PDB file of N, CA and C in Angstrom:
ATOM      1  N   MET A   1      -5.673  35.238  38.189  1.00  0.00           N
ATOM      2  CA  MET A   1      -5.943  35.411  39.407  1.00  0.00           C
ATOM      3  C   MET A   1      -6.352  34.441  40.467  1.00  0.00           C
ATOM      4  N   GLN A   2      -5.826  34.245  41.003  1.00  0.00           N
ATOM      5  CA  GLN A   2      -6.252  33.241  42.104  1.00  0.00           C
ATOM      6  C   GLN A   2      -7.635  33.923  43.012  1.00  0.00           C
ATOM      7  N   MET A   3      -8.730  33.440  42.893  1.00  0.00           N
ATOM      8  CA  MET A   3      -9.736  33.816  43.743  1.00  0.00           C
ATOM      9  C   MET A   3      -9.961  32.711  45.029  1.00  0.00           C
ATOM     10  N   LYS A   4     -10.750  33.258  46.100  1.00  0.00           N
ATOM     11  CA  LYS A   4     -10.619  31.992  47.327  1.00  0.00           C
ATOM     12  C   LYS A   4     -12.169  32.444  48.096  1.00  0.00           C
ATOM     13  N   GLY A   5     -12.697  31.327  48.540  1.00  0.00           N
ATOM     14  CA  GLY A   5     -13.773  31.579  49.284  1.00  0.00           C
ATOM     15  C   GLY A   5     -14.105  30.574  50.344  1.00  0.00           C
ATOM     16  N   ILE A   6     -13.841  30.931  51.332  1.00  0.00           N
ATOM     17  CA  ILE A   6     -14.320  30.423  52.472  1.00  0.00           C
ATOM     18  C   ILE A   6     -15.536  30.671  53.446  1.00  0.00           C
ATOM     19  N   ALA A   7     -15.840  29.210  53.940  1.00  0.00           N
ATOM     20  CA  ALA A   7     -17.026  29.008  54.580  1.00  0.00           C
ATOM     21  C   ALA A   7     -16.999  27.844  55.795  1.00  0.00           C
ATOM     22  N   GLY A   8     -17.876  28.170  57.291  1.00  0.00           N
ATOM     23  CA  GLY A   8     -17.942  27.616  57.996  1.00  0.00           C
ATOM     24  C   GLY A   8     -16.919  27.671  59.296  1.00  0.00           C
ATOM     25  N   THR A   9     -17.157  26.707  60.207  1.00  0.00           N
ATOM     26  CA  THR A   9     -15.849  26.788  61.291  1.00  0.00           C
ATOM     27  C   THR A   9     -15.353  25.600  61.927  1.00  0.00           C
ATOM     28  N   LEU A  10     -14.562  25.704  62.865  1.00  0.00           N
ATOM     29  CA  LEU A  10     -14.042  24.258  63.551  1.00  0.00           C
ATOM     30  C   LEU A  10     -14.856  24.183  64.726  1.00  0.00           C
ATOM     31  N   GLU A  11     -15.865  24.382  64.667  1.00  0.00           N
ATOM     32  CA  GLU A  11     -16.767  24.241  65.967  1.00  0.00           C
ATOM     33  C   GLU A  11     -17.204  22.631  65.897  1.00  0.00           C
ATOM     34  N   SER A  12     -17.803  21.952  67.014  1.00  0.00           N
ATOM     35  CA  SER A  12     -18.023  20.290  66.441  1.00  0.00           C
ATOM     36  C   SER A  12     -19.250  20.528  65.918  1.00  0.00           C
ATOM     37  N   ASN A  13     -19.523  19.466  64.582  1.00  0.00           N
ATOM     38  CA  ASN A  13     -20.562  19.417  64.053  1.00  0.00           C
ATOM     39  C   ASN A  13     -20.788  20.098  62.901  1.00  0.00           C
ATOM     40  N   ASP A  14     -19.801  20.710  62.490  1.00  0.00           N
ATOM     41  CA  ASP A  14     -19.492  21.216  61.275  1.00  0.00           C
ATOM     42  C   ASP A  14     -18.069  21.257  60.751  1.00  0.00           C
ATOM     43  N   CYS A  15     -17.695  21.765  59.660  1.00  0.00           N
ATOM     44  CA  CYS A  15     -16.972  21.921  58.782  1.00  0.00           C
ATOM     45  C   CYS A  15     -16.267  23.703  58.619  1.00  0.00           C
ATOM     46  N   LEU A  16     -14.909  23.331  57.910  1.00  0.00           N
ATOM     47  CA  LEU A  16     -14.425  24.725  57.716  1.00  0.00           C
ATOM     48  C   LEU A  16     -13.719  24.286  56.120  1.00  0.00           C
ATOM     49  N   ILE A  17     -14.540  24.609  55.061  1.00  0.00           N
ATOM     50  CA  ILE A  17     -14.278  24.357  53.799  1.00  0.00           C
ATOM     51  C   ILE A  17     -13.689  25.679  52.775  1.00  0.00           C
ATOM     52  N   THR A  18     -12.040  25.047  52.718  1.00  0.00           N
ATOM     53  CA  THR A  18     -11.751  26.595  51.542  1.00  0.00           C
ATOM     54  C   THR A  18     -11.738  26.111  50.363  1.00  0.00           C
ATOM     55  N   VAL A  19     -12.333  27.001  48.930  1.00  0.00           N
ATOM     56  CA  VAL A  19     -11.865  26.636  47.998  1.00  0.00           C
ATOM     57  C   VAL A  19     -11.190  28.092  47.002  1.00  0.00           C
ATOM     58  N   GLU A  20     -10.227  27.259  45.892  1.00  0.00           N
ATOM     59  CA  GLU A  20      -9.891  28.380  45.454  1.00  0.00           C
ATOM     60  C   GLU A  20      -9.770  27.922  43.836  1.00  0.00           C
ATOM     61  N   THR A  21      -9.615  28.580  43.017  1.00  0.00           N
ATOM     62  CA  THR A  21      -9.254  28.304  41.758  1.00  0.00           C
ATOM     63  C   THR A  21      -8.237  27.667  41.612  1.00  0.00           C
ATOM     64  N   SER A  22      -8.174  26.605  40.484  1.00  0.00           N
ATOM     65  CA  SER A  22      -7.348  25.562  39.909  1.00  0.00           C
ATOM     66  C   SER A  22      -7.089  25.302  38.562  1.00  0.00           C
ATOM     67  N   ASP A  23      -6.086  25.067  38.077  1.00  0.00           N
ATOM     68  CA  ASP A  23      -6.555  23.964  36.401  1.00  0.00           C
ATOM     69  C   ASP A  23      -7.141  22.384  36.643  1.00  0.00           C
ATOM     70  N   LYS A  24      -7.302  22.097  37.534  1.00  0.00           N
ATOM     71  CA  LYS A  24      -7.567  20.936  38.395  1.00  0.00           C
ATOM     72  C   LYS A  24      -8.686  20.256  39.133  1.00  0.00           C
ATOM     73  N   LEU A  25      -9.698  19.379  39.200  1.00  0.00           N
ATOM     74  CA  LEU A  25     -10.099  19.336  40.436  1.00  0.00           C
ATOM     75  C   LEU A  25      -9.453  18.464  41.713  1.00  0.00           C
ATOM     76  N   GLU A  26      -9.407  19.156  42.555  1.00  0.00           N
ATOM     77  CA  GLU A  26      -9.002  18.651  43.422  1.00  0.00           C
ATOM     78  C   GLU A  26      -9.259  18.792  45.177  1.00  0.00           C
ATOM     79  N   ILE A  27      -9.920  17.345  45.572  1.00  0.00           N
ATOM     80  CA  ILE A  27     -10.191  17.872  47.033  1.00  0.00           C
ATOM     81  C   ILE A  27      -9.475  16.881  48.085  1.00  0.00           C
ATOM     82  N   ILE A  28      -9.505  17.618  49.340  1.00  0.00           N
ATOM     83  CA  ILE A  28      -8.659  17.659  50.081  1.00  0.00           C
ATOM     84  C   ILE A  28      -9.537  17.201  51.264  1.00  0.00           C
ATOM     85  N   ILE A  29      -9.597  16.489  52.232  1.00  0.00           N
ATOM     86  CA  ILE A  29     -10.325  16.155  53.246  1.00  0.00           C
ATOM     87  C   ILE A  29      -9.687  15.575  54.386  1.00  0.00           C
ATOM     88  N   ASN A  30      -9.704  16.695  55.318  1.00  0.00           N
ATOM     89  CA  ASN A  30      -9.297  15.953  56.543  1.00  0.00           C
ATOM     90  C   ASN A  30      -9.926  15.958  57.721  1.00  0.00           C
ATOM     91  N   SER A  31     -10.587  13.952  58.193  1.00  0.00           N
ATOM     92  CA  SER A  31     -11.541  14.480  58.980  1.00  0.00           C
ATOM     93  C   SER A  31     -11.098  12.774  59.745  1.00  0.00           C
ATOM     94  N   PRO A  32     -11.501  13.281  61.712  1.00  0.00           N
ATOM     95  CA  PRO A  32     -11.522  11.663  62.178  1.00  0.00           C
ATOM     96  C   PRO A  32     -11.928  11.117  61.764  1.00  0.00           C
ATOM     97  N   VAL A  33     -12.913  11.161  60.507  1.00  0.00           N
ATOM     98  CA  VAL A  33     -13.988  10.004  60.181  1.00  0.00           C
ATOM     99  C   VAL A  33     -13.891   9.100  58.622  1.00  0.00           C
ATOM    100  N   ALA A  34     -12.850  10.146  58.694  1.00  0.00           N
ATOM    101  CA  ALA A  34     -12.714  10.159  57.063  1.00  0.00           C
ATOM    102  C   ALA A  34     -12.759   8.508  56.303  1.00  0.00           C
ATOM    103  N   TYR A  35     -12.163   7.543  57.012  1.00  0.00           N
ATOM    104  CA  TYR A  35     -11.847   6.346  57.087  1.00  0.00           C
ATOM    105  C   TYR A  35     -13.527   5.631  56.770  1.00  0.00           C
ATOM    106  N   LEU A  36     -14.205   6.245  57.325  1.00  0.00           N
ATOM    107  CA  LEU A  36     -15.384   5.414  57.367  1.00  0.00           C
ATOM    108  C   LEU A  36     -16.335   6.388  56.214  1.00  0.00           C
ATOM    109  N   TYR A  37     -16.472   8.009  56.283  1.00  0.00           N
ATOM    110  CA  TYR A  37     -17.269   8.308  55.600  1.00  0.00           C
ATOM    111  C   TYR A  37     -16.588   8.987  54.251  1.00  0.00           C
ATOM    112  N   GLU A  38     -15.422   8.704  54.226  1.00  0.00           N
ATOM    113  CA  GLU A  38     -14.737   9.841  53.193  1.00  0.00           C
ATOM    114  C   GLU A  38     -15.323   9.474  51.704  1.00  0.00           C
ATOM    115  N   ASP A  39     -15.778   8.689  50.979  1.00  0.00           N
ATOM    116  CA  ASP A  39     -16.402   8.228  50.061  1.00  0.00           C
ATOM    117  C   ASP A  39     -17.594   8.713  50.097  1.00  0.00           C
ATOM    118  N   GLU A  40     -18.576   8.984  50.829  1.00  0.00           N
ATOM    119  CA  GLU A  40     -19.451   9.730  51.267  1.00  0.00           C
ATOM    120  C   GLU A  40     -19.702  11.005  50.922  1.00  0.00           C
ATOM    121  N   ILE A  41     -18.610  12.328  51.377  1.00  0.00           N
ATOM    122  CA  ILE A  41     -18.471  13.296  51.318  1.00  0.00           C
ATOM    123  C   ILE A  41     -17.730  13.681  50.527  1.00  0.00           C
ATOM    124  N   LYS A  42     -17.228  13.000  49.672  1.00  0.00           N
ATOM    125  CA  LYS A  42     -16.879  13.013  48.726  1.00  0.00           C
ATOM    126  C   LYS A  42     -18.044  12.761  47.324  1.00  0.00           C
ATOM    127  N   LYS A  43     -18.889  12.383  47.358  1.00  0.00           N
ATOM    128  CA  LYS A  43     -19.700  12.202  46.560  1.00  0.00           C
ATOM    129  C   LYS A  43     -20.627  13.458  46.906  1.00  0.00           C
ATOM    130  N   THR A  44     -20.845  13.825  47.949  1.00  0.00           N
ATOM    131  CA  THR A  44     -21.878  15.030  48.342  1.00  0.00           C
ATOM    132  C   THR A  44     -21.267  16.177  47.974  1.00  0.00           C
ATOM    133  N   ILE A  45     -20.125  16.433  47.805  1.00  0.00           N
ATOM    134  CA  ILE A  45     -19.166  17.338  46.904  1.00  0.00           C
ATOM    135  C   ILE A  45     -19.245  17.804  45.849  1.00  0.00           C
ATOM    136  N   LEU A  46     -18.817  16.452  45.325  1.00  0.00           N
ATOM    137  CA  LEU A  46     -18.829  16.574  43.619  1.00  0.00           C
ATOM    138  C   LEU A  46     -20.488  16.853  42.832  1.00  0.00           C
ATOM    139  N   GLU A  47     -21.518  16.923  43.847  1.00  0.00           N
ATOM    140  CA  GLU A  47     -23.495  16.311  43.648  1.00  0.00           C
ATOM    141  C   GLU A  47     -23.445  18.299  43.777  1.00  0.00           C
ATOM    142  N   VAL A  48     -22.790  18.829  44.260  1.00  0.00           N
ATOM    143  CA  VAL A  48     -22.835  20.072  44.519  1.00  0.00           C
ATOM    144  C   VAL A  48     -21.833  21.080  43.446  1.00  0.00           C
ATOM    145  N   LEU A  49     -20.748  20.374  43.386  1.00  0.00           N
ATOM    146  CA  LEU A  49     -20.114  20.963  42.043  1.00  0.00           C
ATOM    147  C   LEU A  49     -21.031  20.515  41.002  1.00  0.00           C
ATOM    148  N   LYS A  50     -21.322  19.825  40.707  1.00  0.00           N
ATOM    149  CA  LYS A  50     -22.024  19.549  39.371  1.00  0.00           C
ATOM    150  C   LYS A  50     -23.288  20.639  39.862  1.00  0.00           C
ATOM    151  N   ASN A  51     -23.959  20.733  40.707  1.00  0.00           N
ATOM    152  CA  ASN A  51     -25.253  22.097  40.658  1.00  0.00           C
ATOM    153  C   ASN A  51     -24.711  23.598  40.569  1.00  0.00           C
ATOM    154  N   GLU A  52     -23.475  23.837  40.951  1.00  0.00           N
ATOM    155  CA  GLU A  52     -22.772  24.685  40.849  1.00  0.00           C
ATOM    156  C   GLU A  52     -22.273  25.264  39.605  1.00  0.00           C
ATOM    157  N   LYS A  53     -21.988  23.613  38.424  1.00  0.00           N
ATOM    158  CA  LYS A  53     -21.195  23.857  37.300  1.00  0.00           C
ATOM    159  C   LYS A  53     -19.958  24.529  37.829  1.00  0.00           C
ATOM    160  N   GLN A  54     -19.562  23.523  38.476  1.00  0.00           N
ATOM    161  CA  GLN A  54     -17.893  24.298  39.085  1.00  0.00           C
ATOM    162  C   GLN A  54     -17.452  22.674  38.684  1.00  0.00           C
ATOM    163  N   GLU A  55     -15.797  22.897  37.847  1.00  0.00           N
ATOM    164  CA  GLU A  55     -14.783  21.553  37.929  1.00  0.00           C
ATOM    165  C   GLU A  55     -13.452  21.390  38.067  1.00  0.00           C
ATOM    166  N   LYS A  56     -13.149  22.997  37.684  1.00  0.00           N
ATOM    167  CA  LYS A  56     -11.645  22.828  38.820  1.00  0.00           C
ATOM    168  C   LYS A  56     -11.365  23.983  39.357  1.00  0.00           C
ATOM    169  N   LEU A  57     -11.486  23.134  40.676  1.00  0.00           N
ATOM    170  CA  LEU A  57     -11.001  23.906  42.000  1.00  0.00           C
ATOM    171  C   LEU A  57     -10.270  22.831  43.025  1.00  0.00           C
ATOM    172  N   LYS A  58      -9.724  24.078  43.627  1.00  0.00           N
ATOM    173  CA  LYS A  58      -9.272  23.056  44.537  1.00  0.00           C
ATOM    174  C   LYS A  58      -9.889  23.117  45.633  1.00  0.00           C
ATOM    175  N   ILE A  59     -10.413  22.359  46.531  1.00  0.00           N
ATOM    176  CA  ILE A  59     -11.266  22.122  47.787  1.00  0.00           C
ATOM    177  C   ILE A  59     -10.667  21.030  49.010  1.00  0.00           C
ATOM    178  N   VAL A  60     -10.688  21.925  50.184  1.00  0.00           N
ATOM    179  CA  VAL A  60      -9.760  21.570  51.476  1.00  0.00           C
ATOM    180  C   VAL A  60     -10.918  21.999  52.261  1.00  0.00           C
ATOM    181  N   MET A  61     -11.670  20.675  53.019  1.00  0.00           N
ATOM    182  CA  MET A  61     -12.406  20.543  53.813  1.00  0.00           C
ATOM    183  C   MET A  61     -11.918  20.199  55.284  1.00  0.00           C
ATOM    184  N   GLU A  62     -11.606  20.587  56.203  1.00  0.00           N
ATOM    185  CA  GLU A  62     -11.603  20.168  57.828  1.00  0.00           C
ATOM    186  C   GLU A  62     -12.919  20.114  58.433  1.00  0.00           C
ATOM    187  N   ASP A  63     -12.832  18.846  58.626  1.00  0.00           N
ATOM    188  CA  ASP A  63     -13.996  18.167  59.297  1.00  0.00           C
ATOM    189  C   ASP A  63     -14.299  18.159  60.532  1.00  0.00           C
ATOM    190  N   LYS A  64     -15.419  18.540  60.931  1.00  0.00           N
ATOM    191  CA  LYS A  64     -15.403  18.205  62.416  1.00  0.00           C
ATOM    192  C   LYS A  64     -16.591  17.435  62.972  1.00  0.00           C
ATOM    193  N   GLY A  65     -17.175  16.577  61.870  1.00  0.00           N
ATOM    194  CA  GLY A  65     -18.336  16.151  62.581  1.00  0.00           C
ATOM    195  C   GLY A  65     -19.791  16.224  61.617  1.00  0.00           C
ATOM    196  N   ALA A  66     -19.034  17.097  60.417  1.00  0.00           N
ATOM    197  CA  ALA A  66     -20.357  17.984  59.971  1.00  0.00           C
ATOM    198  C   ALA A  66     -21.257  16.657  59.018  1.00  0.00           C
ATOM    199  N   LEU A  67     -22.529  16.999  59.420  1.00  0.00           N
ATOM    200  CA  LEU A  67     -23.823  16.408  58.070  1.00  0.00           C
ATOM    201  C   LEU A  67     -23.883  16.563  57.194  1.00  0.00           C
ATOM    202  N   ASP A  68     -24.294  15.921  56.304  1.00  0.00           N
ATOM    203  CA  ASP A  68     -24.579  15.964  54.482  1.00  0.00           C
ATOM    204  C   ASP A  68     -24.547  17.189  54.775  1.00  0.00           C
ATOM    205  N   TYR A  69     -26.119  17.975  54.869  1.00  0.00           N
ATOM    206  CA  TYR A  69     -26.569  19.116  54.702  1.00  0.00           C
ATOM    207  C   TYR A  69     -25.559  20.264  54.914  1.00  0.00           C
ATOM    208  N   THR A  70     -24.618  20.126  56.306  1.00  0.00           N
ATOM    209  CA  THR A  70     -23.936  21.319  56.545  1.00  0.00           C
ATOM    210  C   THR A  70     -22.690  21.626  55.339  1.00  0.00           C
ATOM    211  N   ILE A  71     -22.252  20.241  55.042  1.00  0.00           N
ATOM    212  CA  ILE A  71     -21.661  20.054  53.976  1.00  0.00           C
ATOM    213  C   ILE A  71     -21.795  20.682  53.000  1.00  0.00           C
ATOM    214  N   ARG A  72     -22.746  20.518  52.107  1.00  0.00           N
ATOM    215  CA  ARG A  72     -23.610  20.795  51.364  1.00  0.00           C
ATOM    216  C   ARG A  72     -23.365  22.682  51.334  1.00  0.00           C
ATOM    217  N   ALA A  73     -24.157  23.070  52.418  1.00  0.00           N
ATOM    218  CA  ALA A  73     -24.686  24.771  52.349  1.00  0.00           C
ATOM    219  C   ALA A  73     -23.192  24.928  52.509  1.00  0.00           C
ATOM    220  N   ARG A  74     -22.219  24.585  53.133  1.00  0.00           N
ATOM    221  CA  ARG A  74     -20.532  25.183  53.436  1.00  0.00           C
ATOM    222  C   ARG A  74     -20.188  25.211  52.061  1.00  0.00           C
ATOM    223  N   LEU A  75     -20.162  24.272  51.528  1.00  0.00           N
ATOM    224  CA  LEU A  75     -19.073  24.550  50.119  1.00  0.00           C
ATOM    225  C   LEU A  75     -20.361  25.372  49.182  1.00  0.00           C
ATOM    226  N   ILE A  76     -21.750  25.245  49.247  1.00  0.00           N
ATOM    227  CA  ILE A  76     -22.447  26.166  48.430  1.00  0.00           C
ATOM    228  C   ILE A  76     -21.866  28.060  48.875  1.00  0.00           C
ATOM    229  N   VAL A  77     -21.618  28.143  50.116  1.00  0.00           N
ATOM    230  CA  VAL A  77     -21.546  29.628  50.428  1.00  0.00           C
ATOM    231  C   VAL A  77     -19.691  30.129  49.765  1.00  0.00           C
ATOM    232  N   ALA A  78     -18.783  28.384  50.130  1.00  0.00           N
ATOM    233  CA  ALA A  78     -17.617  28.802  50.047  1.00  0.00           C
ATOM    234  C   ALA A  78     -17.497  29.282  48.427  1.00  0.00           C
ATOM    235  N   ILE A  79     -18.204  28.537  47.725  1.00  0.00           N
ATOM    236  CA  ILE A  79     -18.123  28.880  45.728  1.00  0.00           C
ATOM    237  C   ILE A  79     -18.420  30.578  45.768  1.00  0.00           C
ATOM    238  N   ARG A  80     -19.263  30.478  46.314  1.00  0.00           N
ATOM    239  CA  ARG A  80     -20.305  31.720  45.713  1.00  0.00           C
ATOM    240  C   ARG A  80     -19.192  33.548  46.423  1.00  0.00           C
ATOM    241  N   ARG A  81     -18.525  33.075  47.337  1.00  0.00           N
ATOM    242  CA  ARG A  81     -18.133  33.055  48.103  1.00  0.00           C
ATOM    243  C   ARG A  81     -16.470  34.174  46.943  1.00  0.00           C
ATOM    244  N   MET A  82     -16.097  33.304  46.394  1.00  0.00           N
ATOM    245  CA  MET A  82     -15.487  33.201  45.299  1.00  0.00           C
ATOM    246  C   MET A  82     -15.563  34.317  43.805  1.00  0.00           C
ATOM    247  N   LYS A  83     -16.751  34.821  44.065  1.00  0.00           N
ATOM    248  CA  LYS A  83     -17.110  35.388  42.825  1.00  0.00           C
ATOM    249  C   LYS A  83     -17.115  36.881  43.277  1.00  0.00           C
TER     250      LYS A  83
END
């Protein structure tokens, strides 16, 4: 059964994160600043996944300039909404 969780908005300084069950880890980041911050964004996502004990998810992030703490909060909520 496919489970899906969504959190966030497409407003400035926010992000919209969609999380779905998957058979592997897949992270897709769509951001106007990906060329500068993609590695840092992925690091933040991986830290949250470790803390939430999640290994196999498809994560799609539509970024509009979200800061680290916003990314963390949105991802945690999206994961918990899956359950």
